Amino acid sequence: MRGMRSLVTVLGCCAGSALVTLVLAWPSPTYADPPEALGEGILANVTFRGELARDASVRSGWIAHATFENSGDEDATTDIDLEVTRATVSPDVRTIPGGLAVWTRSEHAVVPAHGHVMRSEEVPVWLGAQLGRNERATVQAIWVGSQLAPPDPGRDVLFRAPGFRPPTRPFTLFQVGFRTRNVAG
């Protein structure tokens, strides 16, 4: 009887441990987080966003836009480096890599309380020539990121555009990134 009780106790502990392990380690889908330094970020009360856009009025044909928004009750001073980064992206990655800065401009802005400031910088001609291929790469990068994310009809309409094919080989992606130097509020 005593031997049977010990056996039941050992088996009960093993079953309980297995149950706890299964509950805690049950496989579930994982959603990769986007890179935080690219395109947008928040520091103190200042939110900053950046994008590359075509502009026929400038010599290179491309402009890097930066928008700073202050949600605080006091004016904020920002010192930030606006960077255009280049990354080589493989279609089977989980997240888009950060890339290397190929062009940098320092921005200083005083953002009023509950206001926003927009800055635009023309990118150099040598970089503008490379950015012409970036529009297709941006959609490909969104596709790569969407493979592990929940469905989004607003985003997924990009993949039904005529001529879109999922990437099958590595591609080069240019994005706007930021490096913070100082934000005072």
N, C-alpha and C. Protein backbone atom coordinates (compact mmCIF):
# COMPACT_ATOMS: atom_id res chain seq x y z
N MET A 1 0.81 -1.18 0.00
CA MET A 1 0.00 0.00 0.00
C MET A 1 0.87 1.27 0.00
N ARG A 2 1.92 1.22 0.85
CA ARG A 2 2.81 2.36 0.94
C ARG A 2 3.55 2.57 -0.39
N GLY A 3 3.95 1.53 -1.05
CA GLY A 3 4.63 1.61 -2.34
C GLY A 3 3.72 2.17 -3.42
N MET A 4 2.43 1.79 -3.34
CA MET A 4 1.47 2.29 -4.32
C MET A 4 1.24 3.80 -4.13
N ARG A 5 1.20 4.23 -2.87
CA ARG A 5 0.99 5.65 -2.58
C ARG A 5 2.18 6.47 -3.11
N SER A 6 3.38 5.98 -2.93
CA SER A 6 4.57 6.68 -3.43
C SER A 6 4.55 6.76 -4.96
N LEU A 7 4.14 5.67 -5.62
CA LEU A 7 4.06 5.66 -7.07
C LEU A 7 3.03 6.66 -7.57
N VAL A 8 1.86 6.71 -6.93
CA VAL A 8 0.81 7.65 -7.31
C VAL A 8 1.28 9.08 -7.07
N THR A 9 1.99 9.33 -6.00
CA THR A 9 2.51 10.68 -5.70
C THR A 9 3.50 11.11 -6.77
N VAL A 10 4.42 10.23 -7.14
CA VAL A 10 5.43 10.56 -8.15
C VAL A 10 4.75 10.81 -9.50
N LEU A 11 3.86 9.92 -9.91
CA LEU A 11 3.16 10.10 -11.18
C LEU A 11 2.28 11.35 -11.18
N GLY A 12 1.65 11.64 -10.06
CA GLY A 12 0.83 12.86 -9.95
C GLY A 12 1.68 14.12 -10.11
N CYS A 13 2.86 14.12 -9.47
CA CYS A 13 3.76 15.28 -9.60
C CYS A 13 4.25 15.43 -11.04
N CYS A 14 4.57 14.30 -11.68
CA CYS A 14 5.01 14.36 -13.09
C CYS A 14 3.90 14.88 -13.99
N ALA A 15 2.69 14.42 -13.81
CA ALA A 15 1.57 14.87 -14.62
C ALA A 15 1.30 16.35 -14.38
N GLY A 16 1.36 16.77 -13.13
CA GLY A 16 1.15 18.19 -12.83
C GLY A 16 2.21 19.07 -13.45
N SER A 17 3.48 18.63 -13.38
CA SER A 17 4.56 19.39 -13.99
C SER A 17 4.39 19.47 -15.51
N ALA A 18 4.01 18.36 -16.13
CA ALA A 18 3.79 18.35 -17.57
C ALA A 18 2.65 19.28 -17.95
N LEU A 19 1.57 19.28 -17.16
CA LEU A 19 0.43 20.15 -17.44
C LEU A 19 0.83 21.62 -17.34
N VAL A 20 1.56 21.99 -16.31
CA VAL A 20 2.01 23.37 -16.14
C VAL A 20 2.92 23.77 -17.30
N THR A 21 3.82 22.88 -17.70
CA THR A 21 4.72 23.17 -18.81
C THR A 21 3.95 23.37 -20.10
N LEU A 22 2.97 22.54 -20.37
CA LEU A 22 2.17 22.69 -21.58
C LEU A 22 1.38 23.99 -21.58
N VAL A 23 0.82 24.35 -20.44
CA VAL A 23 0.04 25.59 -20.37
C VAL A 23 0.93 26.80 -20.62
N LEU A 24 2.10 26.81 -20.03
CA LEU A 24 2.98 27.98 -20.17
C LEU A 24 3.70 28.03 -21.51
N ALA A 25 4.00 26.88 -22.10
CA ALA A 25 4.79 26.86 -23.33
C ALA A 25 4.01 26.42 -24.55
N TRP A 26 2.67 26.50 -24.49
CA TRP A 26 1.87 26.09 -25.64
C TRP A 26 2.19 26.98 -26.82
N PRO A 27 2.44 26.41 -28.00
CA PRO A 27 2.80 27.26 -29.14
C PRO A 27 1.66 28.20 -29.54
N SER A 28 2.02 29.42 -29.85
CA SER A 28 1.04 30.41 -30.31
C SER A 28 1.72 31.28 -31.35
N PRO A 29 0.94 31.93 -32.22
CA PRO A 29 1.58 32.77 -33.24
C PRO A 29 2.31 33.94 -32.61
N THR A 30 3.44 34.28 -33.17
CA THR A 30 4.18 35.44 -32.70
C THR A 30 4.14 36.52 -33.77
N TYR A 31 4.03 37.75 -33.36
CA TYR A 31 3.98 38.88 -34.28
C TYR A 31 5.23 39.70 -34.05
N ALA A 32 6.04 39.83 -35.08
CA ALA A 32 7.29 40.55 -34.97
C ALA A 32 7.02 42.05 -34.83
N ASP A 33 7.75 42.69 -33.95
CA ASP A 33 7.61 44.12 -33.76
C ASP A 33 8.36 44.86 -34.84
N PRO A 34 7.83 45.99 -35.32
CA PRO A 34 8.57 46.77 -36.32
C PRO A 34 9.77 47.43 -35.68
N PRO A 35 10.78 47.78 -36.46
CA PRO A 35 11.93 48.46 -35.89
C PRO A 35 11.51 49.82 -35.34
N GLU A 36 11.99 50.16 -34.14
CA GLU A 36 11.54 51.37 -33.49
C GLU A 36 12.23 52.63 -34.00
N ALA A 37 13.43 52.53 -34.48
CA ALA A 37 14.16 53.73 -34.88
C ALA A 37 13.80 54.21 -36.28
N LEU A 38 13.13 53.39 -37.06
CA LEU A 38 12.85 53.76 -38.43
C LEU A 38 11.47 54.36 -38.57
N GLY A 39 11.40 55.46 -39.28
CA GLY A 39 10.11 56.02 -39.64
C GLY A 39 9.43 56.82 -38.57
N GLU A 40 9.47 56.40 -37.32
CA GLU A 40 8.78 57.15 -36.27
C GLU A 40 9.31 56.76 -34.91
N GLY A 41 8.99 57.58 -33.93
CA GLY A 41 9.40 57.30 -32.56
C GLY A 41 8.84 58.32 -31.62
N ILE A 42 8.98 58.07 -30.33
CA ILE A 42 8.49 58.97 -29.29
C ILE A 42 9.61 59.15 -28.29
N LEU A 43 9.85 60.38 -27.92
CA LEU A 43 10.83 60.69 -26.89
C LEU A 43 10.28 61.84 -26.09
N ALA A 44 10.16 61.64 -24.78
CA ALA A 44 9.50 62.60 -23.89
C ALA A 44 8.08 62.81 -24.41
N ASN A 45 7.68 64.04 -24.67
CA ASN A 45 6.34 64.31 -25.19
C ASN A 45 6.34 64.56 -26.70
N VAL A 46 7.48 64.34 -27.34
CA VAL A 46 7.60 64.65 -28.76
C VAL A 46 7.55 63.36 -29.58
N THR A 47 6.61 63.33 -30.52
CA THR A 47 6.50 62.21 -31.47
C THR A 47 7.10 62.68 -32.79
N PHE A 48 7.93 61.86 -33.40
CA PHE A 48 8.51 62.24 -34.68
C PHE A 48 8.26 61.14 -35.70
N ARG A 49 8.00 61.58 -36.93
CA ARG A 49 7.75 60.67 -38.05
C ARG A 49 8.53 61.17 -39.25
N GLY A 50 8.93 60.25 -40.11
CA GLY A 50 9.64 60.63 -41.31
C GLY A 50 9.22 59.80 -42.48
N GLU A 51 9.40 60.36 -43.67
CA GLU A 51 9.08 59.62 -44.89
C GLU A 51 9.87 60.21 -46.05
N LEU A 52 10.05 59.41 -47.06
CA LEU A 52 10.65 59.84 -48.32
C LEU A 52 9.52 60.03 -49.31
N ALA A 53 9.54 61.14 -50.03
CA ALA A 53 8.46 61.41 -50.99
C ALA A 53 9.05 62.01 -52.27
N ARG A 54 8.38 61.70 -53.38
CA ARG A 54 8.77 62.30 -54.67
C ARG A 54 8.38 63.77 -54.67
N ASP A 55 9.23 64.59 -55.31
CA ASP A 55 8.92 66.01 -55.46
C ASP A 55 9.64 66.49 -56.72
N ALA A 56 8.87 66.75 -57.75
CA ALA A 56 9.45 67.12 -59.05
C ALA A 56 10.09 68.51 -59.03
N SER A 57 9.80 69.32 -58.01
CA SER A 57 10.33 70.68 -57.98
C SER A 57 11.78 70.75 -57.50
N VAL A 58 12.32 69.68 -56.97
CA VAL A 58 13.70 69.69 -56.50
C VAL A 58 14.59 68.92 -57.48
N ARG A 59 15.86 69.22 -57.45
CA ARG A 59 16.79 68.68 -58.44
C ARG A 59 16.90 67.16 -58.38
N SER A 60 16.92 66.59 -57.18
CA SER A 60 17.08 65.14 -57.05
C SER A 60 15.77 64.40 -57.28
N GLY A 61 14.65 65.12 -57.15
CA GLY A 61 13.34 64.48 -57.32
C GLY A 61 12.79 63.86 -56.05
N TRP A 62 13.52 63.97 -54.93
CA TRP A 62 13.10 63.35 -53.67
C TRP A 62 13.31 64.29 -52.50
N ILE A 63 12.40 64.21 -51.54
CA ILE A 63 12.47 65.01 -50.31
C ILE A 63 12.32 64.08 -49.11
N ALA A 64 13.08 64.33 -48.05
CA ALA A 64 12.91 63.62 -46.78
C ALA A 64 12.12 64.54 -45.86
N HIS A 65 10.94 64.12 -45.45
CA HIS A 65 10.08 64.90 -44.56
C HIS A 65 10.24 64.40 -43.12
N ALA A 66 10.25 65.32 -42.19
CA ALA A 66 10.24 64.98 -40.76
C ALA A 66 9.16 65.82 -40.09
N THR A 67 8.30 65.17 -39.33
CA THR A 67 7.22 65.87 -38.61
C THR A 67 7.42 65.63 -37.12
N PHE A 68 7.43 66.71 -36.35
CA PHE A 68 7.57 66.64 -34.90
C PHE A 68 6.26 67.12 -34.29
N GLU A 69 5.67 66.34 -33.38
CA GLU A 69 4.43 66.73 -32.70
C GLU A 69 4.67 66.68 -31.20
N ASN A 70 4.23 67.72 -30.52
CA ASN A 70 4.39 67.82 -29.08
C ASN A 70 3.03 67.65 -28.41
N SER A 71 2.90 66.63 -27.58
CA SER A 71 1.65 66.41 -26.87
C SER A 71 1.69 66.98 -25.46
N GLY A 72 2.80 67.60 -25.08
CA GLY A 72 2.95 68.15 -23.74
C GLY A 72 2.36 69.54 -23.59
N ASP A 73 2.37 70.03 -22.36
CA ASP A 73 1.82 71.35 -22.04
C ASP A 73 2.86 72.46 -22.14
N GLU A 74 4.11 72.11 -22.40
CA GLU A 74 5.17 73.10 -22.53
C GLU A 74 5.86 72.93 -23.88
N ASP A 75 6.48 74.02 -24.35
CA ASP A 75 7.26 73.93 -25.59
C ASP A 75 8.41 72.94 -25.40
N ALA A 76 8.77 72.25 -26.47
CA ALA A 76 9.86 71.28 -26.41
C ALA A 76 10.89 71.62 -27.48
N THR A 77 12.15 71.45 -27.13
CA THR A 77 13.24 71.67 -28.06
C THR A 77 13.80 70.31 -28.45
N THR A 78 13.93 70.07 -29.74
CA THR A 78 14.46 68.79 -30.20
C THR A 78 15.71 69.00 -31.02
N ASP A 79 16.68 68.18 -30.78
CA ASP A 79 17.88 68.08 -31.60
C ASP A 79 17.94 66.64 -32.05
N ILE A 80 17.77 66.42 -33.33
CA ILE A 80 17.65 65.05 -33.84
C ILE A 80 18.38 64.96 -35.18
N ASP A 81 18.95 63.82 -35.45
CA ASP A 81 19.58 63.57 -36.75
C ASP A 81 18.60 62.82 -37.63
N LEU A 82 18.26 63.41 -38.76
CA LEU A 82 17.40 62.78 -39.75
C LEU A 82 18.31 61.98 -40.67
N GLU A 83 18.05 60.69 -40.81
CA GLU A 83 18.92 59.83 -41.60
C GLU A 83 18.12 59.11 -42.68
N VAL A 84 18.71 58.95 -43.83
CA VAL A 84 18.18 58.03 -44.83
C VAL A 84 19.03 56.79 -44.72
N THR A 85 18.38 55.67 -44.44
CA THR A 85 19.09 54.42 -44.23
C THR A 85 18.86 53.47 -45.39
N ARG A 86 19.84 52.63 -45.63
CA ARG A 86 19.74 51.61 -46.68
C ARG A 86 19.96 50.25 -46.04
N ALA A 87 19.06 49.32 -46.35
CA ALA A 87 19.17 47.96 -45.83
C ALA A 87 18.93 46.97 -46.95
N THR A 88 19.60 45.85 -46.88
CA THR A 88 19.32 44.74 -47.78
C THR A 88 18.42 43.78 -47.02
N VAL A 89 17.24 43.52 -47.60
CA VAL A 89 16.22 42.73 -46.92
C VAL A 89 16.04 41.41 -47.64
N SER A 90 16.11 40.34 -46.89
CA SER A 90 15.84 39.01 -47.43
C SER A 90 14.34 38.74 -47.27
N PRO A 91 13.68 38.13 -48.24
CA PRO A 91 12.24 37.93 -48.13
C PRO A 91 11.81 36.98 -47.02
N ASP A 92 12.71 36.20 -46.46
CA ASP A 92 12.32 35.26 -45.42
C ASP A 92 12.74 35.70 -44.02
N VAL A 93 12.88 37.00 -43.79
CA VAL A 93 13.22 37.51 -42.47
C VAL A 93 11.95 37.76 -41.67
N ARG A 94 12.09 37.84 -40.36
CA ARG A 94 10.94 38.11 -39.49
C ARG A 94 10.71 39.61 -39.31
N THR A 95 11.77 40.38 -39.31
CA THR A 95 11.66 41.83 -39.18
C THR A 95 12.58 42.49 -40.19
N ILE A 96 12.28 43.72 -40.52
CA ILE A 96 13.10 44.48 -41.45
C ILE A 96 14.32 44.99 -40.68
N PRO A 97 15.54 44.77 -41.17
CA PRO A 97 16.73 45.24 -40.45
C PRO A 97 16.82 46.76 -40.44
N GLY A 98 17.58 47.27 -39.48
CA GLY A 98 17.69 48.71 -39.31
C GLY A 98 18.39 49.44 -40.44
N GLY A 99 19.36 48.84 -41.05
CA GLY A 99 20.04 49.49 -42.15
C GLY A 99 21.17 50.39 -41.70
N LEU A 100 21.90 50.89 -42.67
CA LEU A 100 23.02 51.80 -42.43
C LEU A 100 22.67 53.18 -42.94
N ALA A 101 23.07 54.20 -42.20
CA ALA A 101 22.81 55.57 -42.62
C ALA A 101 23.69 55.91 -43.82
N VAL A 102 23.07 56.36 -44.91
CA VAL A 102 23.83 56.76 -46.10
C VAL A 102 23.81 58.27 -46.28
N TRP A 103 22.92 58.95 -45.56
CA TRP A 103 22.83 60.41 -45.63
C TRP A 103 22.22 60.91 -44.33
N THR A 104 22.79 61.95 -43.75
CA THR A 104 22.34 62.45 -42.45
C THR A 104 22.26 63.97 -42.46
N ARG A 105 21.23 64.50 -41.84
CA ARG A 105 21.08 65.94 -41.62
C ARG A 105 20.65 66.17 -40.18
N SER A 106 21.23 67.16 -39.54
CA SER A 106 20.85 67.51 -38.18
C SER A 106 19.68 68.48 -38.22
N GLU A 107 18.70 68.23 -37.37
CA GLU A 107 17.53 69.09 -37.28
C GLU A 107 17.40 69.62 -35.86
N HIS A 108 17.13 70.90 -35.76
CA HIS A 108 16.84 71.54 -34.47
C HIS A 108 15.47 72.19 -34.61
N ALA A 109 14.56 71.85 -33.72
CA ALA A 109 13.22 72.41 -33.82
C ALA A 109 12.68 72.71 -32.44
N VAL A 110 12.01 73.84 -32.34
CA VAL A 110 11.25 74.17 -31.13
C VAL A 110 9.80 73.88 -31.46
N VAL A 111 9.23 72.90 -30.77
CA VAL A 111 7.87 72.46 -31.05
C VAL A 111 6.96 73.05 -29.99
N PRO A 112 5.97 73.88 -30.40
CA PRO A 112 5.09 74.48 -29.41
C PRO A 112 4.22 73.43 -28.72
N ALA A 113 3.74 73.77 -27.53
CA ALA A 113 2.87 72.87 -26.78
C ALA A 113 1.63 72.54 -27.61
N HIS A 114 1.31 71.28 -27.68
CA HIS A 114 0.16 70.77 -28.45
C HIS A 114 0.22 71.20 -29.91
N GLY A 115 1.42 71.35 -30.45
CA GLY A 115 1.58 71.77 -31.85
C GLY A 115 2.48 70.82 -32.59
N HIS A 116 2.73 71.14 -33.85
CA HIS A 116 3.63 70.32 -34.64
C HIS A 116 4.46 71.20 -35.56
N VAL A 117 5.61 70.67 -35.94
CA VAL A 117 6.54 71.34 -36.84
C VAL A 117 6.93 70.33 -37.92
N MET A 118 6.95 70.78 -39.17
CA MET A 118 7.35 69.89 -40.26
C MET A 118 8.59 70.45 -40.93
N ARG A 119 9.57 69.60 -41.14
CA ARG A 119 10.80 69.99 -41.83
C ARG A 119 10.95 69.12 -43.06
N SER A 120 11.47 69.71 -44.13
CA SER A 120 11.71 68.97 -45.37
C SER A 120 13.12 69.26 -45.84
N GLU A 121 13.82 68.23 -46.23
CA GLU A 121 15.18 68.35 -46.73
C GLU A 121 15.28 67.65 -48.08
N GLU A 122 15.86 68.31 -49.06
CA GLU A 122 16.10 67.66 -50.34
C GLU A 122 17.24 66.67 -50.18
N VAL A 123 17.05 65.48 -50.71
CA VAL A 123 18.13 64.50 -50.66
C VAL A 123 19.08 64.76 -51.83
N PRO A 124 20.33 64.37 -51.71
CA PRO A 124 21.29 64.62 -52.79
C PRO A 124 20.91 63.87 -54.08
N VAL A 125 21.41 64.37 -55.18
CA VAL A 125 21.10 63.78 -56.49
C VAL A 125 21.58 62.33 -56.57
N TRP A 126 22.76 62.03 -56.03
CA TRP A 126 23.28 60.66 -56.10
C TRP A 126 22.36 59.69 -55.38
N LEU A 127 21.72 60.15 -54.30
CA LEU A 127 20.80 59.30 -53.56
C LEU A 127 19.44 59.24 -54.25
N GLY A 128 19.01 60.34 -54.85
CA GLY A 128 17.73 60.36 -55.56
C GLY A 128 17.69 59.35 -56.70
N ALA A 129 18.83 59.16 -57.35
CA ALA A 129 18.88 58.18 -58.45
C ALA A 129 18.62 56.76 -57.95
N GLN A 130 19.06 56.47 -56.74
CA GLN A 130 18.83 55.14 -56.17
C GLN A 130 17.42 54.98 -55.61
N LEU A 131 16.81 56.08 -55.22
CA LEU A 131 15.48 56.01 -54.60
C LEU A 131 14.37 55.67 -55.59
N GLY A 132 14.61 55.83 -56.88
CA GLY A 132 13.59 55.51 -57.87
C GLY A 132 13.14 54.06 -57.78
N ARG A 133 14.04 53.19 -57.38
CA ARG A 133 13.68 51.78 -57.23
C ARG A 133 13.09 51.49 -55.86
N ASN A 134 13.07 52.46 -54.97
CA ASN A 134 12.63 52.24 -53.60
C ASN A 134 11.12 52.03 -53.47
N GLU A 135 10.31 52.61 -54.36
CA GLU A 135 8.86 52.50 -54.21
C GLU A 135 8.42 51.05 -54.25
N ARG A 136 8.93 50.28 -55.17
CA ARG A 136 8.58 48.86 -55.23
C ARG A 136 9.13 48.12 -54.01
N ALA A 137 10.33 48.47 -53.57
CA ALA A 137 10.93 47.82 -52.40
C ALA A 137 10.13 48.10 -51.13
N THR A 138 9.53 49.29 -51.02
CA THR A 138 8.74 49.61 -49.84
C THR A 138 7.53 48.69 -49.74
N VAL A 139 6.85 48.46 -50.84
CA VAL A 139 5.70 47.56 -50.84
C VAL A 139 6.16 46.14 -50.53
N GLN A 140 7.32 45.74 -51.05
CA GLN A 140 7.85 44.41 -50.75
C GLN A 140 8.16 44.29 -49.26
N ALA A 141 8.71 45.35 -48.65
CA ALA A 141 9.01 45.31 -47.22
C ALA A 141 7.74 45.21 -46.39
N ILE A 142 6.69 45.89 -46.81
CA ILE A 142 5.41 45.78 -46.10
C ILE A 142 4.89 44.35 -46.21
N TRP A 143 5.07 43.73 -47.36
CA TRP A 143 4.64 42.34 -47.54
C TRP A 143 5.42 41.42 -46.61
N VAL A 144 6.74 41.62 -46.52
CA VAL A 144 7.56 40.78 -45.64
C VAL A 144 7.08 40.92 -44.20
N GLY A 145 6.85 42.15 -43.75
CA GLY A 145 6.37 42.36 -42.39
C GLY A 145 4.98 41.83 -42.14
N SER A 146 4.15 41.76 -43.17
CA SER A 146 2.76 41.33 -42.98
C SER A 146 2.62 39.83 -42.85
N GLN A 147 3.65 39.08 -43.17
CA GLN A 147 3.54 37.62 -43.13
C GLN A 147 3.35 37.09 -41.73
N LEU A 148 3.78 37.84 -40.72
CA LEU A 148 3.63 37.41 -39.34
C LEU A 148 2.65 38.26 -38.57
N ALA A 149 1.95 39.15 -39.25
CA ALA A 149 1.01 40.05 -38.59
C ALA A 149 -0.42 39.63 -38.90
N PRO A 150 -1.36 40.05 -38.05
CA PRO A 150 -2.76 39.74 -38.34
C PRO A 150 -3.21 40.44 -39.61
N PRO A 151 -4.25 39.95 -40.27
CA PRO A 151 -4.72 40.59 -41.51
C PRO A 151 -5.14 42.04 -41.30
N ASP A 152 -4.88 42.87 -42.30
CA ASP A 152 -5.25 44.28 -42.28
C ASP A 152 -5.70 44.66 -43.68
N PRO A 153 -7.01 44.85 -43.91
CA PRO A 153 -7.48 45.13 -45.27
C PRO A 153 -6.86 46.37 -45.89
N GLY A 154 -6.59 47.41 -45.09
CA GLY A 154 -5.98 48.62 -45.62
C GLY A 154 -4.59 48.39 -46.14
N ARG A 155 -3.84 47.54 -45.47
CA ARG A 155 -2.48 47.22 -45.89
C ARG A 155 -2.49 46.19 -47.01
N ASP A 156 -3.33 45.18 -46.90
CA ASP A 156 -3.31 44.06 -47.84
C ASP A 156 -3.76 44.44 -49.24
N VAL A 157 -4.43 45.58 -49.41
CA VAL A 157 -4.83 46.03 -50.76
C VAL A 157 -3.60 46.33 -51.61
N LEU A 158 -2.47 46.66 -50.99
CA LEU A 158 -1.23 46.92 -51.73
C LEU A 158 -0.78 45.68 -52.50
N PHE A 159 -1.06 44.50 -51.96
CA PHE A 159 -0.57 43.27 -52.56
C PHE A 159 -1.44 42.80 -53.72
N ARG A 160 -2.59 43.44 -53.91
CA ARG A 160 -3.45 43.09 -55.04
C ARG A 160 -3.26 44.03 -56.22
N ALA A 161 -2.33 44.97 -56.11
CA ALA A 161 -2.07 45.92 -57.19
C ALA A 161 -1.51 45.18 -58.41
N PRO A 162 -1.84 45.67 -59.61
CA PRO A 162 -1.32 45.01 -60.81
C PRO A 162 0.21 45.00 -60.81
N GLY A 163 0.77 43.89 -61.14
CA GLY A 163 2.22 43.78 -61.25
C GLY A 163 2.94 43.44 -59.96
N PHE A 164 2.23 43.39 -58.82
CA PHE A 164 2.92 43.06 -57.57
C PHE A 164 3.19 41.56 -57.51
N ARG A 165 4.44 41.24 -57.20
CA ARG A 165 4.82 39.85 -56.96
C ARG A 165 5.57 39.81 -55.65
N PRO A 166 5.28 38.84 -54.80
CA PRO A 166 6.05 38.73 -53.56
C PRO A 166 7.54 38.57 -53.87
N PRO A 167 8.40 39.17 -53.05
CA PRO A 167 9.83 39.09 -53.32
C PRO A 167 10.34 37.66 -53.16
N THR A 168 11.24 37.27 -54.04
CA THR A 168 11.85 35.94 -53.97
C THR A 168 13.35 36.02 -53.76
N ARG A 169 13.91 37.21 -53.82
CA ARG A 169 15.34 37.37 -53.60
C ARG A 169 15.55 38.66 -52.79
N PRO A 170 16.70 38.83 -52.18
CA PRO A 170 16.95 40.03 -51.38
C PRO A 170 16.79 41.31 -52.20
N PHE A 171 16.31 42.37 -51.54
CA PHE A 171 16.14 43.66 -52.20
C PHE A 171 16.65 44.76 -51.28
N THR A 172 16.95 45.91 -51.88
CA THR A 172 17.46 47.06 -51.13
C THR A 172 16.30 47.98 -50.77
N LEU A 173 16.27 48.41 -49.52
CA LEU A 173 15.20 49.27 -49.02
C LEU A 173 15.80 50.53 -48.41
N PHE A 174 15.28 51.69 -48.80
CA PHE A 174 15.67 52.96 -48.21
C PHE A 174 14.53 53.44 -47.32
N GLN A 175 14.86 53.95 -46.13
CA GLN A 175 13.86 54.48 -45.21
C GLN A 175 14.43 55.68 -44.48
N VAL A 176 13.54 56.43 -43.84
CA VAL A 176 13.96 57.54 -43.00
C VAL A 176 14.11 57.01 -41.58
N GLY A 177 15.23 57.32 -40.97
CA GLY A 177 15.47 56.93 -39.59
C GLY A 177 15.86 58.16 -38.79
N PHE A 178 15.87 58.01 -37.48
CA PHE A 178 16.20 59.12 -36.60
C PHE A 178 17.22 58.66 -35.56
N ARG A 179 18.11 59.58 -35.21
CA ARG A 179 19.02 59.37 -34.09
C ARG A 179 18.84 60.58 -33.20
N THR A 180 18.40 60.34 -31.99
CA THR A 180 18.12 61.45 -31.09
C THR A 180 19.40 61.94 -30.42
N ARG A 181 19.48 63.25 -30.28
CA ARG A 181 20.61 63.85 -29.59
C ARG A 181 20.15 64.51 -28.31
N ASN A 182 18.96 65.17 -28.36
CA ASN A 182 18.49 65.88 -27.17
C ASN A 182 17.02 66.24 -27.36
N VAL A 183 16.23 66.02 -26.36
CA VAL A 183 14.85 66.51 -26.34
C VAL A 183 14.63 67.09 -24.95
N ALA A 184 14.32 68.35 -24.89
CA ALA A 184 14.07 69.01 -23.61
C ALA A 184 12.67 69.59 -23.63
N GLY A 185 11.95 69.43 -22.55
CA GLY A 185 10.57 69.91 -22.51
C GLY A 185 10.33 70.94 -21.47
